[in-house]
């Protein structure tokens, strides 16, 4: 399978001027607000982007997010979208990074103190590029696996709450 450099397929959008500290709690704003964290924990009331995108955190530790809705990012993020003539399944690239290749991004973080990754480094990462149909198939399978994992996690949480409830009903509150 051919490998192609990431920078040949996607282009970066204009860098944000919004500081991470300007974000609101997740439930307070209208739109997701991505920072360099690998966990989405903030929101904001205005969006900067509205096309399917990959969001790379550039400060601290590696993070990659996928968003196909309205969203904004902080100054420590890069937003990548397919070049106009490219037909790509962005979720395929997202899963490429988060499933097996986050370490490739981690190797690009350099500096003393708070480490950063450069756009140039990300551009040079070589990615296997199967046909579009295969990209969509792989992304679909991984979407299903993630949905199943999330449902399983929710069930485990509900079973835990049920077992605590049964314990309290049978034995009362030990305190």
Foldseek 3Di string as FASTA:
>chain_A
DDWDFPLVWKDWDDADAAAPVVFAAPPPEDAFEEEQDQDGGTAHDDFDDAAWWWKWFWKAATHIDTDNGTHHYHRRIIIIDTDPPDDADVLLVVCVCPVPNSVQQRVQFDDPDITGHDPVSSRGDIDDDDDRVVSVVVSVVVVVVVVVVVVVVVVVVVVVVVVVVVCCVVPNDPD
